[in-house]
Amino acid sequence: MNVLDIEMKPVEFGDCFILSENLKHLIVDCGSTDESAVVNSGIYDKIECLRNNGSKLELLISHFDSDHYNGILKINKETFEKIYFPYCLMNRYNEFCSTIGYLILLNNSNIPPESIRKELSDKLVELLTKLPQILKSNGKLVSLCSGRNFPLGTQQFNVIWPPNGQSPFQKPLKRVLEGLNDKVKEKIQPLVKSLRVFFNKLNEKELEIDEIETLTGDIKKEYERLRNQHNN
């Protein structure tokens, strides 16, 4: 069996690992609460070096706290052949998508803590709309959940979280949405719908670049509409 190398980058409060087998590399998370720590960790030089020596690069984002992915937002080249996202349950209550929409609607308000809302909402939308730029032309986006597996060279990794068909955040997110009036629900509904369509399709199959561009383009359009509507 080939040796699997694991390198941990010093990004302070955040995560960034590189799993390598020969010329195949998987970056697991890339972010920090201090974004300068990501720069200082040398991860961008490492990515550039791997990209230039013919290596195959993939990315796995473990979950959608921005200190696990905000470093990716600074990459502006086609880099990854495959990107793995955590499975997000899209049920009839739309807890996840509705919460994102609601937080975006609040982002210009004076309700604290604004910084946390921006990390949970604006950064996630920025990540989604970044995907077509950082995936290679033949790249794919894949959803991972318990029971699935993915390869790295000769290695096979079994996924143990998040659970398939369940939402570990359903109850807390549902509490966020309790008491929303009809006017707020109407405002956020187009963005909620575009997010729901994206994650539903991703849960069903691997997404290729053309479909990602279309779906994230719809999300960006509705995001900007909601922000403009709120500012006006």
Foldseek 3Di string as FASTA:
>chain_A
DFDWDKDWFCLDAAGWIWIDGVLWIEIEFQFAPPRVSSVVRCVVVVQVVSQVVPGAYEYEYPAQQRRRHVNVLPDQAQRHQEYEYEAADCDPVLLLLLLLLLLLLCLPPPDPDNVRSCRSHVSVLSVLLCVLRHHPQFHKYAYDAAPDWDDTVPDIDGHHDDHPPDHPCVVVSVVVPPPDDPVSCVLSVQLSVLVSVVSVVRHVDIDGSVVSNVSSVSNVVSSVVSNVVSVD
